[in-house]
Every structure is written in C-alpha cells, then in structure tokens.
Amino acid sequence: MHIASLEDDHTQARLIQSVLEKAGHQCTLFDTGKAMLTCLARNPDFDMLILDWEIPDISGLDVLHWVRANMGQTLPVMFVTNRAGEDDLVLGLQAGADDYMIKPIRAGELTARVAVLRRRMMPGPQLDMSFACAAYEIDPIAETISLNGKIIDLARKEYELALMFFRNPGRLFSRDVLSSSVWNREILATSRTLDTHLSNIRRKLRLRPENGVRLSASYALGYRLDLLTDVQESPIS
C-alpha cells in the first residue's frame, strides 16, 4: 500500500516511514501541507493518508477538509498527533478522519491501525451486488433489506442510512458525514431528523445482538454498526 505522511518533524517522519516500510508499505513523506496538497491535486493515487495536525503552513485539519471536499469519503485518513484533547478528537473525526492516534508513536499500534484501515478499504461486493451482513441480506438494485428472509419496510432515507452502516461494519461515522452522505447537506445539531431516522432503523431492522449486530452511539463521536458474530459481509451467489 502507498501511504502519504504529513509530518514536519524530521525524526518523527523517518520513524513513521521506517515502521510502515517494515510492515511492507511504501511511504512518501511531506513536511508541508502545501506540498501534500499539490501532490494530491496532480497525482491522487495514494491508498491512505497519515496527517500530523500542527503543520506550520497548512494544518493537517485543513488538509483533511480539502481531501474530503475534493476527493470524497473513500480515501482512509488517520491523524497521528500530539493533540490529545477530547475536543480535538471529536473535531478530527467530525471533519472526516477515519482514525486518530496520539503521539508518542508506538510501532505496533501504528502498524495495527493501518492494517485495520486497510481491511476497511479492501474491495467488498460490487455496488449493485446483493450481499449479506450477519442476519441481514441487502439488495442494492431492489433497494431492500431483509432480516432472516423477510423484507423490512423502510423509507428511502432510512434505507440509505442503513446501507451505509451495512457496507461499512465497524466504521465510525460522525453526524456530519452521515447527514452530508444521506441528505447532501449538514443537519443542525438541534434538528432531530438524523436521530429520528437512526431510531427508526434501529427499531425496524431490530439491530440487536440476537441478530448479530449492534448500532453503537456516542453523541460526541458518532455512530458505528458493530458485528457481534463471526459472520462477515459476503456476496450472495
């Protein structure tokens, strides 16, 4: 995997590069946000980004905002930073980061976190191919979700919201990412629209341990569909 790392501290940058190369990855280093953005604009063929937050010219957070605005949500991005406050963690995740690691860098942890993100980005079923997740069967062409063979009646936005979770089990989605992906706009924190739809899919789809899943929620961080069994998402033949 080809990973781009934004880190202005030479020692830290070389450590990240060494750890990733020992794990079998290629790592290109950038010491300014401008240099990384220039490269991404011309050659966006990286498989993952690792960003420090505090960069003198363009912060890692601003780089992340550019990436999500111009390259979408699919490119995995992880912060590796000294900023350890909960507010920083929340801000980074809400901006679209997939993971957040606090320095000092630990080689084993960095390798493991990169491996997890890599598994998330590996090709799953084609977008129009039916697939299974725990006790559920999802048919993107018919736009239906079945539980134990029975189709569940869902409104359009409920289906789209549930589809995001079933396609990405284990991934944490911030409220901003969910609202922009499903409604194509930001939903104000005071609005109950997202909460109502989440409550509806939890109830209608019975997202409970007995069906092999759990919809985990942290109001500050976001929402994640956890798989509770060994059943993995797989194509239906």
Protein backbone atom coordinates (compact mmCIF):
# COMPACT_ATOMS: atom_id res chain seq x y z
CA MET A 1 0.00 0.00 0.00
CA HIS A 2 1.27 3.51 -0.84
CA ILE A 3 0.81 5.84 2.12
CA ALA A 4 1.41 9.60 2.21
CA SER A 5 2.54 11.01 5.56
CA LEU A 6 2.41 14.70 6.52
CA GLU A 7 4.91 15.37 9.33
CA ASP A 8 7.19 18.39 9.71
CA ASP A 9 9.40 16.85 12.42
CA HIS A 10 12.19 15.02 10.57
CA THR A 11 12.75 12.42 13.29
CA GLN A 12 9.04 11.61 13.59
CA ALA A 13 8.67 11.47 9.81
CA ARG A 14 11.52 8.98 9.44
CA LEU A 15 10.09 6.87 12.27
CA ILE A 16 6.70 6.68 10.57
CA GLN A 17 8.33 5.82 7.25
CA SER A 18 10.50 3.12 8.86
CA VAL A 19 7.56 1.50 10.67
CA LEU A 20 5.41 1.45 7.54
CA GLU A 21 8.16 0.14 5.29
CA LYS A 22 8.92 -2.68 7.74
CA ALA A 23 5.22 -3.58 7.51
CA GLY A 24 5.55 -3.84 3.72
CA HIS A 25 4.14 -0.47 2.70
CA GLN A 26 5.58 2.36 0.60
CA CYS A 27 5.62 5.71 2.40
CA THR A 28 6.07 9.14 0.80
CA LEU A 29 6.87 11.96 3.23
CA PHE A 30 5.68 15.57 3.12
CA ASP A 31 6.82 18.26 5.55
CA THR A 32 4.36 20.96 4.49
CA GLY A 33 0.61 20.88 3.88
CA LYS A 34 1.06 22.79 0.64
CA ALA A 35 3.44 20.17 -0.75
CA MET A 36 1.00 17.37 0.09
CA LEU A 37 -1.98 19.17 -1.45
CA THR A 38 -0.03 19.97 -4.60
CA CYS A 39 0.88 16.32 -4.98
CA LEU A 40 -2.67 15.12 -4.27
CA ALA A 41 -4.08 17.52 -6.86
CA ARG A 42 -1.70 16.20 -9.51
CA ASN A 43 -1.40 12.56 -8.52
CA PRO A 44 -4.13 11.34 -6.18
CA ASP A 45 -3.03 7.70 -6.31
CA PHE A 46 -2.26 7.20 -2.63
CA ASP A 47 -4.03 4.43 -0.73
CA MET A 48 -4.02 6.19 2.65
CA LEU A 49 -3.03 9.47 4.32
CA ILE A 50 -1.42 9.95 7.74
CA LEU A 51 -1.59 13.54 8.97
CA ASP A 52 0.04 15.45 11.76
CA TRP A 53 -2.24 18.26 12.91
CA GLU A 54 0.18 21.07 13.73
CA ILE A 55 1.98 21.91 10.48
CA PRO A 56 3.39 25.45 10.06
CA ASP A 57 1.87 26.36 6.70
CA ILE A 58 -1.39 24.44 6.31
CA SER A 59 -2.67 22.41 9.25
CA GLY A 60 -3.46 18.73 8.97
CA LEU A 61 -7.10 19.58 9.69
CA ASP A 62 -7.22 21.94 6.71
CA VAL A 63 -5.62 19.25 4.55
CA LEU A 64 -8.34 16.84 5.68
CA HIS A 65 -11.06 19.37 4.80
CA TRP A 66 -9.57 19.72 1.30
CA VAL A 67 -9.34 15.94 0.85
CA ARG A 68 -12.96 15.34 1.82
CA ALA A 69 -14.20 18.23 -0.32
CA ASN A 70 -12.19 17.25 -3.40
CA MET A 71 -11.58 13.51 -3.12
CA GLY A 72 -14.67 12.27 -1.30
CA GLN A 73 -15.01 9.96 1.70
CA THR A 74 -13.31 6.80 0.44
CA LEU A 75 -9.61 7.62 0.96
CA PRO A 76 -8.64 6.49 4.50
CA VAL A 77 -7.15 9.29 6.62
CA MET A 78 -5.60 8.95 10.07
CA PHE A 79 -4.31 11.67 12.36
CA VAL A 80 -1.06 10.99 14.25
CA THR A 81 -0.69 13.99 16.52
CA ASN A 82 0.24 15.42 19.90
CA ARG A 83 -3.23 16.94 20.27
CA ALA A 84 -4.71 14.63 22.87
CA GLY A 85 -7.78 16.60 24.00
CA GLU A 86 -11.24 15.13 23.57
CA ASP A 87 -12.35 18.27 21.71
CA ASP A 88 -9.56 17.73 19.18
CA LEU A 89 -10.50 14.07 18.74
CA VAL A 90 -14.13 14.98 18.16
CA LEU A 91 -13.21 17.77 15.73
CA GLY A 92 -10.93 15.48 13.73
CA LEU A 93 -13.47 12.68 13.46
CA GLN A 94 -16.29 15.05 12.61
CA ALA A 95 -14.14 16.52 9.83
CA GLY A 96 -13.91 13.06 8.27
CA ALA A 97 -10.86 11.35 9.77
CA ASP A 98 -11.16 7.57 9.94
CA ASP A 99 -8.85 7.16 12.93
CA TYR A 100 -6.91 9.24 15.44
CA MET A 101 -3.64 8.19 17.10
CA ILE A 102 -1.94 10.22 19.81
CA LYS A 103 1.85 10.53 19.98
CA PRO A 104 4.31 9.23 21.05
CA ILE A 105 4.30 6.85 18.10
CA ARG A 106 4.27 3.18 19.03
CA ALA A 107 5.31 0.98 16.14
CA GLY A 108 2.94 -1.88 16.93
CA GLU A 109 -0.06 0.37 17.37
CA LEU A 110 0.63 2.30 14.16
CA THR A 111 1.02 -0.93 12.18
CA ALA A 112 -2.20 -2.34 13.65
CA ARG A 113 -4.24 0.79 12.98
CA VAL A 114 -3.03 0.96 9.38
CA ALA A 115 -3.94 -2.72 8.94
CA VAL A 116 -7.47 -2.07 10.23
CA LEU A 117 -7.96 0.83 7.84
CA ARG A 118 -6.61 -1.28 5.01
CA ARG A 119 -9.17 -4.01 5.71
CA ARG A 120 -11.94 -1.41 5.62
CA MET A 121 -10.87 -0.16 2.19
CA MET A 122 -10.46 -3.58 0.59
CA PRO A 123 -12.99 -4.17 -2.17
CA GLY A 124 -16.23 -5.65 -0.96
CA PRO A 125 -19.19 -6.61 -3.10
CA GLN A 126 -19.82 -4.53 -6.20
CA LEU A 127 -22.16 -1.63 -5.57
CA ASP A 128 -25.05 -3.33 -7.36
CA MET A 129 -24.39 -6.83 -5.98
CA SER A 130 -26.53 -8.27 -3.20
CA PHE A 131 -24.59 -9.07 -0.04
CA ALA A 132 -25.10 -10.43 3.45
CA CYS A 133 -24.18 -8.92 6.79
CA ALA A 134 -24.91 -11.01 9.89
CA ALA A 135 -28.61 -11.98 9.69
CA TYR A 136 -29.37 -9.39 7.01
CA GLU A 137 -29.49 -9.54 3.22
CA ILE A 138 -29.12 -6.30 1.29
CA ASP A 139 -30.20 -5.92 -2.36
CA PRO A 140 -28.95 -2.57 -3.73
CA ILE A 141 -30.79 -2.97 -7.04
CA ALA A 142 -34.19 -3.56 -5.42
CA GLU A 143 -33.20 -1.24 -2.57
CA THR A 144 -34.39 -3.71 0.03
CA ILE A 145 -33.02 -5.07 3.30
CA SER A 146 -34.24 -8.41 4.62
CA LEU A 147 -33.93 -9.87 8.09
CA ASN A 148 -33.98 -13.66 8.20
CA GLY A 149 -35.54 -13.70 4.73
CA LYS A 150 -38.25 -11.11 5.43
CA ILE A 151 -38.09 -7.73 3.67
CA ILE A 152 -38.27 -4.83 6.11
CA ASP A 153 -40.37 -1.81 5.10
CA LEU A 154 -38.09 1.23 5.15
CA ALA A 155 -38.47 4.80 3.95
CA ARG A 156 -35.96 5.90 1.30
CA LYS A 157 -33.65 7.82 3.66
CA GLU A 158 -33.88 5.05 6.25
CA TYR A 159 -32.69 2.58 3.61
CA GLU A 160 -29.82 4.83 2.50
CA LEU A 161 -28.72 5.33 6.11
CA ALA A 162 -28.87 1.61 6.88
CA LEU A 163 -26.99 0.80 3.66
CA MET A 164 -24.06 2.99 4.77
CA PHE A 165 -23.76 1.03 8.01
CA PHE A 166 -24.10 -2.40 6.39
CA ARG A 167 -21.49 -1.58 3.76
CA ASN A 168 -19.07 -0.38 6.45
CA PRO A 169 -19.42 -2.50 9.60
CA GLY A 170 -17.06 -1.33 12.32
CA ARG A 171 -16.56 2.15 10.81
CA LEU A 172 -17.34 5.17 12.97
CA PHE A 173 -19.42 7.80 11.15
CA SER A 174 -19.75 11.31 12.53
CA ARG A 175 -23.11 13.07 12.38
CA ASP A 176 -21.74 15.43 9.73
CA VAL A 177 -20.63 12.57 7.47
CA LEU A 178 -23.98 10.78 7.82
CA SER A 179 -26.01 13.90 7.10
CA SER A 180 -23.90 15.00 4.13
CA SER A 181 -23.86 11.48 2.62
CA VAL A 182 -27.59 10.77 3.01
CA TRP A 183 -29.15 14.25 2.86
CA ASN A 184 -26.37 16.03 0.90
CA ARG A 185 -26.33 18.80 3.48
CA GLU A 186 -25.33 19.47 7.06
CA ILE A 187 -28.08 18.85 9.59
CA LEU A 188 -28.07 21.20 12.56
CA ALA A 189 -27.31 19.64 15.93
CA THR A 190 -30.66 20.94 17.19
CA SER A 191 -32.54 19.03 14.50
CA ARG A 192 -33.99 15.62 15.33
CA THR A 193 -34.02 14.44 11.71
CA LEU A 194 -30.94 12.22 11.94
CA ASP A 195 -31.81 10.95 15.41
CA THR A 196 -35.32 10.03 14.27
CA HIS A 197 -34.03 8.09 11.27
CA LEU A 198 -31.42 6.30 13.39
CA SER A 199 -34.09 5.35 15.90
CA ASN A 200 -36.33 4.10 13.10
CA ILE A 201 -33.71 1.82 11.51
CA ARG A 202 -32.64 0.52 14.93
CA ARG A 203 -36.27 -0.39 15.69
CA LYS A 204 -37.43 -1.58 12.26
CA LEU A 205 -34.31 -3.63 11.48
CA ARG A 206 -34.00 -4.86 15.06
CA LEU A 207 -30.31 -4.00 15.21
CA ARG A 208 -29.76 -6.09 18.32
CA PRO A 209 -27.22 -8.71 19.47
CA GLU A 210 -29.59 -11.59 18.75
CA ASN A 211 -29.33 -10.64 15.07
CA GLY A 212 -25.55 -10.40 15.19
CA VAL A 213 -25.22 -6.61 15.22
CA ARG A 214 -25.36 -3.59 17.48
CA LEU A 215 -25.72 0.06 16.49
CA SER A 216 -23.33 1.81 18.87
CA ALA A 217 -23.76 5.52 19.51
CA SER A 218 -21.66 8.25 21.04
CA TYR A 219 -23.34 11.62 20.62
CA ALA A 220 -19.97 13.38 20.61
CA LEU A 221 -18.13 11.00 18.27
CA GLY A 222 -20.73 9.38 16.04
CA TYR A 223 -22.29 6.02 15.23
CA ARG A 224 -20.99 2.58 14.27
CA LEU A 225 -22.54 -0.76 13.34
CA ASP A 226 -20.70 -3.46 15.28
CA LEU A 227 -20.72 -7.09 14.13
CA LEU A 228 -21.13 -9.37 17.14
CA THR A 229 -20.71 -12.71 15.41
CA ASP A 230 -18.11 -14.31 13.17
CA VAL A 231 -20.42 -13.77 10.20
CA GLN A 232 -18.71 -11.39 7.82
CA GLU A 233 -20.12 -9.41 4.92
CA SER A 234 -20.08 -11.64 1.86
CA PRO A 235 -21.63 -11.71 -1.63
CA ILE A 236 -24.75 -13.76 -2.16
CA SER A 237 -24.40 -16.20 -5.01
